[in-house]
């Protein structure tokens, strides 16, 4: 068996960054559920669900972009 050369090991100096907790994924799921329920029950619920889902997705993307910019500044 050969020994490993300690100098051959490549190290990366990058940090792992995980995003903080957010309510937007849950709100997006609620919006999708309301939209699908609205397809069966009522057009009003469909509209409320679609609006909730679109707003949650837009706000989630906005927060992610802000966090990404702050990370790289």
N, C-alpha and C. Protein backbone atom coordinates (compact mmCIF):
# COMPACT_ATOMS: atom_id res chain seq x y z
N UNK A 1 0.84 -1.17 0.00
CA UNK A 1 0.00 0.00 0.00
C UNK A 1 0.89 1.25 0.00
N UNK A 2 0.51 2.22 -0.76
CA UNK A 2 1.31 3.43 -0.81
C UNK A 2 0.74 4.48 0.13
N UNK A 3 1.63 5.29 0.62
CA UNK A 3 1.19 6.37 1.49
C UNK A 3 0.78 7.57 0.65
N UNK A 4 -0.14 8.32 1.18
CA UNK A 4 -0.59 9.52 0.47
C UNK A 4 0.40 10.65 0.69
N UNK A 5 0.61 11.40 -0.35
CA UNK A 5 1.48 12.56 -0.25
C UNK A 5 0.68 13.72 0.34
N UNK A 6 1.06 14.23 1.51
CA UNK A 6 0.26 15.31 2.12
C UNK A 6 0.22 16.58 1.28
N UNK A 7 1.20 16.78 0.43
CA UNK A 7 1.22 17.99 -0.40
C UNK A 7 0.33 17.86 -1.63
N UNK A 8 -0.11 16.64 -1.92
CA UNK A 8 -0.96 16.47 -3.11
C UNK A 8 -2.42 16.79 -2.82
N UNK A 9 -2.73 16.95 -1.57
CA UNK A 9 -4.12 17.26 -1.21
C UNK A 9 -4.41 18.73 -1.48
N UNK A 10 -5.41 18.98 -2.28
CA UNK A 10 -5.78 20.35 -2.63
C UNK A 10 -6.77 20.87 -1.60
N UNK A 11 -6.50 22.02 -1.06
CA UNK A 11 -7.42 22.63 -0.10
C UNK A 11 -8.07 23.84 -0.74
N UNK A 12 -9.30 24.04 -0.42
CA UNK A 12 -10.05 25.19 -0.91
C UNK A 12 -10.31 26.12 0.26
N UNK A 13 -10.12 27.37 0.03
CA UNK A 13 -10.30 28.37 1.07
C UNK A 13 -11.69 29.01 1.01
N UNK A 14 -12.64 28.33 0.42
CA UNK A 14 -13.99 28.88 0.31
C UNK A 14 -14.82 28.46 1.51
N UNK A 15 -15.71 29.34 1.90
CA UNK A 15 -16.64 29.01 2.97
C UNK A 15 -17.92 28.48 2.37
N UNK A 16 -18.55 27.60 3.11
CA UNK A 16 -19.88 27.14 2.70
C UNK A 16 -20.88 28.10 3.31
N UNK A 17 -21.74 28.64 2.46
CA UNK A 17 -22.75 29.59 2.93
C UNK A 17 -24.13 28.98 2.74
N UNK A 18 -24.87 28.89 3.81
CA UNK A 18 -26.25 28.43 3.74
C UNK A 18 -27.16 29.62 4.00
N UNK A 19 -28.24 29.74 3.24
CA UNK A 19 -29.16 30.85 3.46
C UNK A 19 -29.86 30.72 4.80
N UNK A 20 -30.26 31.85 5.33
CA UNK A 20 -30.97 31.86 6.60
C UNK A 20 -32.40 31.34 6.43
N UNK A 21 -33.08 31.14 7.54
CA UNK A 21 -34.46 30.67 7.46
C UNK A 21 -35.36 31.71 6.80
N UNK A 22 -36.37 31.22 6.12
CA UNK A 22 -37.27 32.11 5.39
C UNK A 22 -38.69 31.53 5.38
N UNK A 23 -39.66 32.42 5.39
CA UNK A 23 -41.06 32.01 5.30
C UNK A 23 -41.51 31.86 3.86
N UNK A 24 -40.75 32.36 2.90
CA UNK A 24 -41.21 32.38 1.51
C UNK A 24 -41.46 31.00 0.91
N UNK A 25 -40.65 29.98 1.20
CA UNK A 25 -40.99 28.66 0.64
C UNK A 25 -42.34 28.14 1.14
N UNK A 26 -42.63 28.39 2.42
CA UNK A 26 -43.92 27.97 2.96
C UNK A 26 -45.06 28.75 2.31
N UNK A 27 -44.87 30.05 2.14
CA UNK A 27 -45.92 30.86 1.50
C UNK A 27 -46.13 30.45 0.05
N UNK A 28 -45.07 30.07 -0.64
CA UNK A 28 -45.20 29.59 -2.01
C UNK A 28 -45.99 28.29 -2.03
N UNK A 29 -45.73 27.40 -1.09
CA UNK A 29 -46.48 26.15 -1.00
C UNK A 29 -47.95 26.41 -0.72
N UNK A 30 -48.24 27.36 0.16
CA UNK A 30 -49.64 27.72 0.45
C UNK A 30 -50.30 28.29 -0.80
N UNK A 31 -49.59 29.13 -1.53
CA UNK A 31 -50.13 29.70 -2.76
C UNK A 31 -50.43 28.63 -3.80
N UNK A 32 -49.53 27.67 -3.94
CA UNK A 32 -49.77 26.57 -4.89
C UNK A 32 -50.95 25.73 -4.45
N UNK A 33 -51.04 25.44 -3.15
CA UNK A 33 -52.17 24.65 -2.65
C UNK A 33 -53.49 25.38 -2.86
N UNK A 34 -53.52 26.67 -2.59
CA UNK A 34 -54.74 27.45 -2.81
C UNK A 34 -55.10 27.50 -4.30
N UNK A 35 -54.10 27.62 -5.15
CA UNK A 35 -54.35 27.66 -6.58
C UNK A 35 -54.97 26.35 -7.05
N UNK A 36 -54.40 25.24 -6.63
CA UNK A 36 -54.93 23.94 -7.05
C UNK A 36 -56.32 23.68 -6.46
N UNK A 37 -56.53 24.11 -5.22
CA UNK A 37 -57.86 23.97 -4.61
C UNK A 37 -58.85 24.88 -5.32
N UNK A 38 -58.40 26.05 -5.71
CA UNK A 38 -59.26 26.99 -6.43
C UNK A 38 -59.68 26.47 -7.79
N UNK A 39 -58.87 25.63 -8.41
CA UNK A 39 -59.27 25.02 -9.68
C UNK A 39 -60.54 24.19 -9.52
N UNK A 40 -60.71 23.61 -8.35
CA UNK A 40 -61.86 22.74 -8.09
C UNK A 40 -63.01 23.51 -7.45
N UNK A 41 -62.71 24.42 -6.54
CA UNK A 41 -63.76 25.05 -5.73
C UNK A 41 -64.27 26.36 -6.30
N UNK A 42 -63.39 27.35 -6.46
CA UNK A 42 -63.87 28.65 -6.92
C UNK A 42 -62.78 29.45 -7.60
N UNK A 43 -63.17 30.27 -8.56
CA UNK A 43 -62.19 31.12 -9.24
C UNK A 43 -61.56 32.17 -8.32
N UNK A 44 -62.29 32.58 -7.29
CA UNK A 44 -61.74 33.56 -6.35
C UNK A 44 -60.56 32.96 -5.59
N UNK A 45 -60.73 31.72 -5.13
CA UNK A 45 -59.64 31.04 -4.42
C UNK A 45 -58.46 30.80 -5.37
N UNK A 46 -58.75 30.52 -6.60
CA UNK A 46 -57.71 30.34 -7.61
C UNK A 46 -56.89 31.62 -7.75
N UNK A 47 -57.58 32.76 -7.84
CA UNK A 47 -56.91 34.05 -7.98
C UNK A 47 -56.09 34.39 -6.74
N UNK A 48 -56.66 34.16 -5.57
CA UNK A 48 -55.94 34.44 -4.32
C UNK A 48 -54.70 33.56 -4.22
N UNK A 49 -54.85 32.29 -4.56
CA UNK A 49 -53.71 31.37 -4.52
C UNK A 49 -52.63 31.75 -5.51
N UNK A 50 -53.04 32.10 -6.72
CA UNK A 50 -52.06 32.49 -7.74
C UNK A 50 -51.33 33.77 -7.32
N UNK A 51 -52.06 34.73 -6.80
CA UNK A 51 -51.44 35.98 -6.34
C UNK A 51 -50.47 35.71 -5.18
N UNK A 52 -50.90 34.87 -4.24
CA UNK A 52 -50.04 34.52 -3.11
C UNK A 52 -48.77 33.84 -3.59
N UNK A 53 -48.91 32.90 -4.51
CA UNK A 53 -47.76 32.17 -5.03
C UNK A 53 -46.80 33.06 -5.78
N UNK A 54 -47.32 33.92 -6.64
CA UNK A 54 -46.46 34.82 -7.42
C UNK A 54 -45.74 35.81 -6.51
N UNK A 55 -46.46 36.37 -5.55
CA UNK A 55 -45.83 37.32 -4.61
C UNK A 55 -44.76 36.63 -3.76
N UNK A 56 -45.07 35.43 -3.26
CA UNK A 56 -44.09 34.71 -2.44
C UNK A 56 -42.84 34.38 -3.25
N UNK A 57 -43.02 33.95 -4.49
CA UNK A 57 -41.88 33.63 -5.34
C UNK A 57 -41.04 34.88 -5.62
N UNK A 58 -41.70 35.98 -5.92
CA UNK A 58 -40.98 37.23 -6.21
C UNK A 58 -40.21 37.71 -4.97
N UNK A 59 -40.83 37.64 -3.81
CA UNK A 59 -40.16 38.09 -2.59
C UNK A 59 -39.03 37.15 -2.18
N UNK A 60 -39.19 35.86 -2.43
CA UNK A 60 -38.14 34.89 -2.14
C UNK A 60 -36.92 35.16 -3.03
N UNK A 61 -37.17 35.41 -4.30
CA UNK A 61 -36.07 35.72 -5.23
C UNK A 61 -35.40 37.03 -4.84
N UNK A 62 -36.20 38.03 -4.46
CA UNK A 62 -35.64 39.31 -4.04
C UNK A 62 -34.70 39.13 -2.84
N UNK A 63 -35.16 38.38 -1.84
CA UNK A 63 -34.33 38.16 -0.65
C UNK A 63 -33.06 37.38 -0.99
N UNK A 64 -33.18 36.40 -1.86
CA UNK A 64 -32.01 35.61 -2.25
C UNK A 64 -31.00 36.47 -3.00
N UNK A 65 -31.48 37.35 -3.86
CA UNK A 65 -30.57 38.23 -4.60
C UNK A 65 -29.86 39.20 -3.66
N UNK A 66 -30.59 39.74 -2.69
CA UNK A 66 -29.97 40.65 -1.71
C UNK A 66 -28.89 39.92 -0.91
N UNK A 67 -29.21 38.71 -0.49
CA UNK A 67 -28.25 37.94 0.29
C UNK A 67 -27.02 37.59 -0.55
N UNK A 68 -27.22 37.26 -1.81
CA UNK A 68 -26.11 36.94 -2.71
C UNK A 68 -25.22 38.16 -2.92
N UNK A 69 -25.84 39.31 -3.13
CA UNK A 69 -25.06 40.54 -3.31
C UNK A 69 -24.26 40.89 -2.06
N UNK A 70 -24.90 40.75 -0.89
CA UNK A 70 -24.22 41.06 0.36
C UNK A 70 -23.06 40.10 0.62
N UNK A 71 -23.20 38.88 0.17
CA UNK A 71 -22.16 37.88 0.36
C UNK A 71 -20.93 38.19 -0.48
N UNK A 72 -21.13 38.72 -1.67
CA UNK A 72 -20.02 38.98 -2.58
C UNK A 72 -19.51 40.42 -2.55
N UNK A 73 -20.00 41.22 -1.64
CA UNK A 73 -19.49 42.60 -1.52
C UNK A 73 -18.42 42.70 -0.47
